């Protein structure tokens, strides 16, 4: 739980590595509730090759509507510095 909280803080600041790790937390439900929409969002925001790889993997288990929702979250993301 604590690791997921730390990843969330850092990922919200726009750090790509934290975004990939947070995406993996959401895929596996480690410290957060399993959520492929959130995972997709964080993988996409990371703009990394590994993030793109994970998007391909999880997209196979997502509906078109879920992907659309995730893309909307990406589009509306604003970094937060708390």
N, C-alpha and C. Protein backbone atom coordinates (compact mmCIF):
# COMPACT_ATOMS: atom_id res chain seq x y z
N UNK A 1 0.83 -1.20 0.00
CA UNK A 1 0.00 0.00 0.00
C UNK A 1 0.86 1.26 0.00
N UNK A 2 1.90 1.27 0.83
CA UNK A 2 2.77 2.45 0.92
C UNK A 2 3.53 2.68 -0.39
N UNK A 3 3.99 1.60 -1.00
CA UNK A 3 4.72 1.75 -2.26
C UNK A 3 3.80 2.32 -3.33
N UNK A 4 2.57 1.83 -3.40
CA UNK A 4 1.62 2.34 -4.38
C UNK A 4 1.35 3.83 -4.14
N UNK A 5 1.27 4.24 -2.89
CA UNK A 5 1.04 5.66 -2.56
C UNK A 5 2.21 6.51 -3.04
N UNK A 6 3.43 6.01 -2.81
CA UNK A 6 4.61 6.75 -3.26
C UNK A 6 4.67 6.83 -4.79
N UNK A 7 4.39 5.71 -5.45
CA UNK A 7 4.36 5.73 -6.92
C UNK A 7 3.33 6.72 -7.42
N UNK A 8 2.17 6.78 -6.78
CA UNK A 8 1.11 7.69 -7.19
C UNK A 8 1.57 9.15 -7.10
N UNK A 9 2.21 9.50 -6.00
CA UNK A 9 2.71 10.87 -5.84
C UNK A 9 3.70 11.21 -6.94
N UNK A 10 4.66 10.32 -7.16
CA UNK A 10 5.72 10.58 -8.14
C UNK A 10 5.16 10.52 -9.57
N UNK A 11 4.27 9.56 -9.83
CA UNK A 11 3.66 9.43 -11.16
C UNK A 11 2.84 10.67 -11.50
N UNK A 12 2.14 11.21 -10.51
CA UNK A 12 1.34 12.42 -10.74
C UNK A 12 2.20 13.63 -11.05
N UNK A 13 3.48 13.55 -10.74
CA UNK A 13 4.42 14.63 -11.08
C UNK A 13 4.95 14.47 -12.49
N UNK A 14 4.63 13.34 -13.13
CA UNK A 14 5.03 13.11 -14.52
C UNK A 14 6.27 12.27 -14.69
N UNK A 15 6.69 11.55 -13.67
CA UNK A 15 7.90 10.73 -13.76
C UNK A 15 7.59 9.41 -14.48
N UNK A 16 8.20 9.18 -15.66
CA UNK A 16 7.87 8.01 -16.48
C UNK A 16 8.09 6.66 -15.79
N UNK A 17 9.18 6.50 -15.07
CA UNK A 17 9.44 5.22 -14.42
C UNK A 17 8.39 4.92 -13.36
N UNK A 18 8.04 5.92 -12.58
CA UNK A 18 7.00 5.74 -11.57
C UNK A 18 5.66 5.43 -12.23
N UNK A 19 5.40 6.05 -13.38
CA UNK A 19 4.14 5.80 -14.09
C UNK A 19 4.06 4.35 -14.56
N UNK A 20 5.16 3.81 -15.06
CA UNK A 20 5.17 2.40 -15.48
C UNK A 20 4.95 1.50 -14.27
N UNK A 21 5.66 1.77 -13.19
CA UNK A 21 5.52 0.93 -11.99
C UNK A 21 4.12 1.02 -11.42
N UNK A 22 3.53 2.22 -11.42
CA UNK A 22 2.16 2.36 -10.92
C UNK A 22 1.19 1.60 -11.83
N UNK A 23 1.42 1.66 -13.14
CA UNK A 23 0.58 0.89 -14.06
C UNK A 23 0.62 -0.59 -13.73
N UNK A 24 1.82 -1.10 -13.43
CA UNK A 24 1.94 -2.52 -13.06
C UNK A 24 1.22 -2.81 -11.76
N UNK A 25 1.24 -1.86 -10.82
CA UNK A 25 0.51 -2.04 -9.56
C UNK A 25 -0.98 -2.22 -9.86
N UNK A 26 -1.50 -1.41 -10.78
CA UNK A 26 -2.93 -1.51 -11.14
C UNK A 26 -3.25 -2.80 -11.89
N UNK A 27 -2.34 -3.28 -12.70
CA UNK A 27 -2.58 -4.54 -13.41
C UNK A 27 -2.71 -5.70 -12.43
N UNK A 28 -1.85 -5.72 -11.43
CA UNK A 28 -1.80 -6.84 -10.50
C UNK A 28 -2.58 -6.62 -9.21
N UNK A 29 -3.10 -5.41 -9.00
CA UNK A 29 -3.82 -5.12 -7.76
C UNK A 29 -2.92 -5.09 -6.55
N UNK A 30 -1.68 -4.64 -6.73
CA UNK A 30 -0.73 -4.55 -5.62
C UNK A 30 -0.82 -3.18 -4.95
N UNK A 31 -1.44 -3.12 -3.78
CA UNK A 31 -1.57 -1.86 -3.05
C UNK A 31 -2.68 -0.97 -3.54
N UNK A 32 -3.28 -1.34 -4.65
CA UNK A 32 -4.43 -0.62 -5.23
C UNK A 32 -5.40 -1.67 -5.76
N UNK A 33 -6.61 -1.26 -6.02
CA UNK A 33 -7.57 -2.19 -6.62
C UNK A 33 -7.20 -2.42 -8.09
N UNK A 34 -7.27 -3.65 -8.55
CA UNK A 34 -6.97 -3.96 -9.95
C UNK A 34 -7.84 -3.11 -10.85
N UNK A 35 -7.21 -2.43 -11.81
CA UNK A 35 -7.95 -1.51 -12.67
C UNK A 35 -7.16 -1.31 -13.97
N UNK A 36 -7.61 -1.97 -15.03
CA UNK A 36 -6.90 -1.88 -16.30
C UNK A 36 -7.02 -0.49 -16.93
N UNK A 37 -8.07 0.23 -16.65
CA UNK A 37 -8.22 1.58 -17.18
C UNK A 37 -7.12 2.48 -16.61
N UNK A 38 -6.93 2.40 -15.30
CA UNK A 38 -5.87 3.19 -14.67
C UNK A 38 -4.49 2.71 -15.13
N UNK A 39 -4.33 1.41 -15.27
CA UNK A 39 -3.06 0.86 -15.73
C UNK A 39 -2.74 1.41 -17.13
N UNK A 40 -3.71 1.35 -18.02
CA UNK A 40 -3.54 1.86 -19.38
C UNK A 40 -3.13 3.33 -19.33
N UNK A 41 -3.84 4.11 -18.51
CA UNK A 41 -3.54 5.54 -18.38
C UNK A 41 -2.08 5.76 -18.01
N UNK A 42 -1.62 5.09 -16.97
CA UNK A 42 -0.25 5.31 -16.50
C UNK A 42 0.79 4.81 -17.49
N UNK A 43 0.53 3.67 -18.11
CA UNK A 43 1.45 3.17 -19.14
C UNK A 43 1.54 4.16 -20.30
N UNK A 44 0.42 4.68 -20.72
CA UNK A 44 0.39 5.63 -21.83
C UNK A 44 1.10 6.93 -21.48
N UNK A 45 0.85 7.44 -20.29
CA UNK A 45 1.49 8.68 -19.86
C UNK A 45 3.00 8.55 -19.77
N UNK A 46 3.49 7.36 -19.50
CA UNK A 46 4.94 7.17 -19.36
C UNK A 46 5.68 7.43 -20.68
N UNK A 47 4.98 7.24 -21.80
CA UNK A 47 5.57 7.42 -23.13
C UNK A 47 6.88 6.66 -23.28
N UNK A 48 6.91 5.44 -22.74
CA UNK A 48 8.10 4.59 -22.83
C UNK A 48 7.79 3.36 -23.68
N UNK A 49 8.83 2.72 -24.16
CA UNK A 49 8.62 1.50 -24.96
C UNK A 49 8.02 0.40 -24.10
N UNK A 50 8.43 0.29 -22.84
CA UNK A 50 7.85 -0.74 -21.97
C UNK A 50 6.38 -0.42 -21.67
N UNK A 51 6.06 0.85 -21.52
CA UNK A 51 4.66 1.25 -21.33
C UNK A 51 3.81 0.87 -22.53
N UNK A 52 4.35 1.10 -23.73
CA UNK A 52 3.62 0.74 -24.96
C UNK A 52 3.44 -0.77 -25.05
N UNK A 53 4.46 -1.51 -24.62
CA UNK A 53 4.35 -2.97 -24.61
C UNK A 53 3.21 -3.42 -23.70
N UNK A 54 3.18 -2.86 -22.49
CA UNK A 54 2.13 -3.25 -21.54
C UNK A 54 0.74 -2.85 -22.03
N UNK A 55 0.64 -1.73 -22.74
CA UNK A 55 -0.65 -1.32 -23.30
C UNK A 55 -1.15 -2.40 -24.27
N UNK A 56 -0.26 -2.89 -25.12
CA UNK A 56 -0.64 -3.95 -26.07
C UNK A 56 -1.14 -5.19 -25.32
N UNK A 57 -0.44 -5.55 -24.25
CA UNK A 57 -0.79 -6.75 -23.49
C UNK A 57 -2.16 -6.60 -22.83
N UNK A 58 -2.38 -5.49 -22.11
CA UNK A 58 -3.65 -5.36 -21.37
C UNK A 58 -4.82 -5.00 -22.27
N UNK A 59 -4.55 -4.38 -23.43
CA UNK A 59 -5.63 -4.01 -24.34
C UNK A 59 -6.41 -5.23 -24.81
N UNK A 60 -5.75 -6.38 -24.85
CA UNK A 60 -6.42 -7.61 -25.28
C UNK A 60 -7.55 -8.00 -24.32
N UNK A 61 -7.44 -7.55 -23.06
CA UNK A 61 -8.45 -7.89 -22.05
C UNK A 61 -9.36 -6.71 -21.71
N UNK A 62 -9.31 -5.67 -22.53
CA UNK A 62 -10.14 -4.48 -22.29
C UNK A 62 -11.17 -4.31 -23.40
N UNK A 63 -12.31 -3.76 -23.04
CA UNK A 63 -13.33 -3.44 -24.04
C UNK A 63 -12.97 -2.13 -24.73
N UNK A 64 -13.59 -1.89 -25.88
CA UNK A 64 -13.36 -0.62 -26.59
C UNK A 64 -13.75 0.56 -25.71
N UNK A 65 -14.80 0.41 -24.95
CA UNK A 65 -15.26 1.48 -24.05
C UNK A 65 -14.23 1.76 -22.95
N UNK A 66 -13.63 0.72 -22.40
CA UNK A 66 -12.60 0.90 -21.37
C UNK A 66 -11.38 1.63 -21.95
N UNK A 67 -10.99 1.25 -23.16
CA UNK A 67 -9.85 1.91 -23.80
C UNK A 67 -10.17 3.37 -24.07
N UNK A 68 -11.37 3.63 -24.52
CA UNK A 68 -11.80 5.01 -24.77
C UNK A 68 -11.75 5.83 -23.47
N UNK A 69 -12.22 5.26 -22.38
CA UNK A 69 -12.18 5.95 -21.08
C UNK A 69 -10.74 6.21 -20.65
N UNK A 70 -9.87 5.22 -20.82
CA UNK A 70 -8.46 5.39 -20.45
C UNK A 70 -7.81 6.50 -21.27
N UNK A 71 -8.08 6.53 -22.57
CA UNK A 71 -7.52 7.56 -23.44
C UNK A 71 -8.01 8.95 -23.04
N UNK A 72 -9.25 9.03 -22.58
CA UNK A 72 -9.79 10.30 -22.09
C UNK A 72 -9.04 10.76 -20.84
N UNK A 73 -8.74 9.81 -19.95
CA UNK A 73 -7.98 10.15 -18.74
C UNK A 73 -6.58 10.65 -19.10
N UNK A 74 -5.97 10.04 -20.10
CA UNK A 74 -4.64 10.46 -20.55
C UNK A 74 -4.72 11.89 -21.10
N UNK A 75 -5.71 12.12 -21.93
CA UNK A 75 -5.87 13.43 -22.56
C UNK A 75 -6.05 14.53 -21.53
N UNK A 76 -6.76 14.23 -20.45
CA UNK A 76 -7.09 15.25 -19.45
C UNK A 76 -6.12 15.30 -18.28
N UNK A 77 -5.04 14.51 -18.34
CA UNK A 77 -4.07 14.48 -17.25
C UNK A 77 -3.30 15.79 -17.14
N UNK A 78 -3.17 16.26 -15.91
CA UNK A 78 -2.34 17.42 -15.61
C UNK A 78 -1.43 17.04 -14.45
N UNK A 79 -0.12 17.25 -14.59
CA UNK A 79 0.78 16.92 -13.48
C UNK A 79 0.41 17.68 -12.20
N UNK A 80 0.61 17.04 -11.08
CA UNK A 80 0.29 17.62 -9.77
C UNK A 80 1.52 17.56 -8.90
N UNK A 81 1.85 18.68 -8.31
CA UNK A 81 3.00 18.74 -7.40
C UNK A 81 2.50 19.09 -6.02
N UNK A 82 2.38 18.07 -5.17
CA UNK A 82 1.88 18.29 -3.82
C UNK A 82 2.99 18.20 -2.80
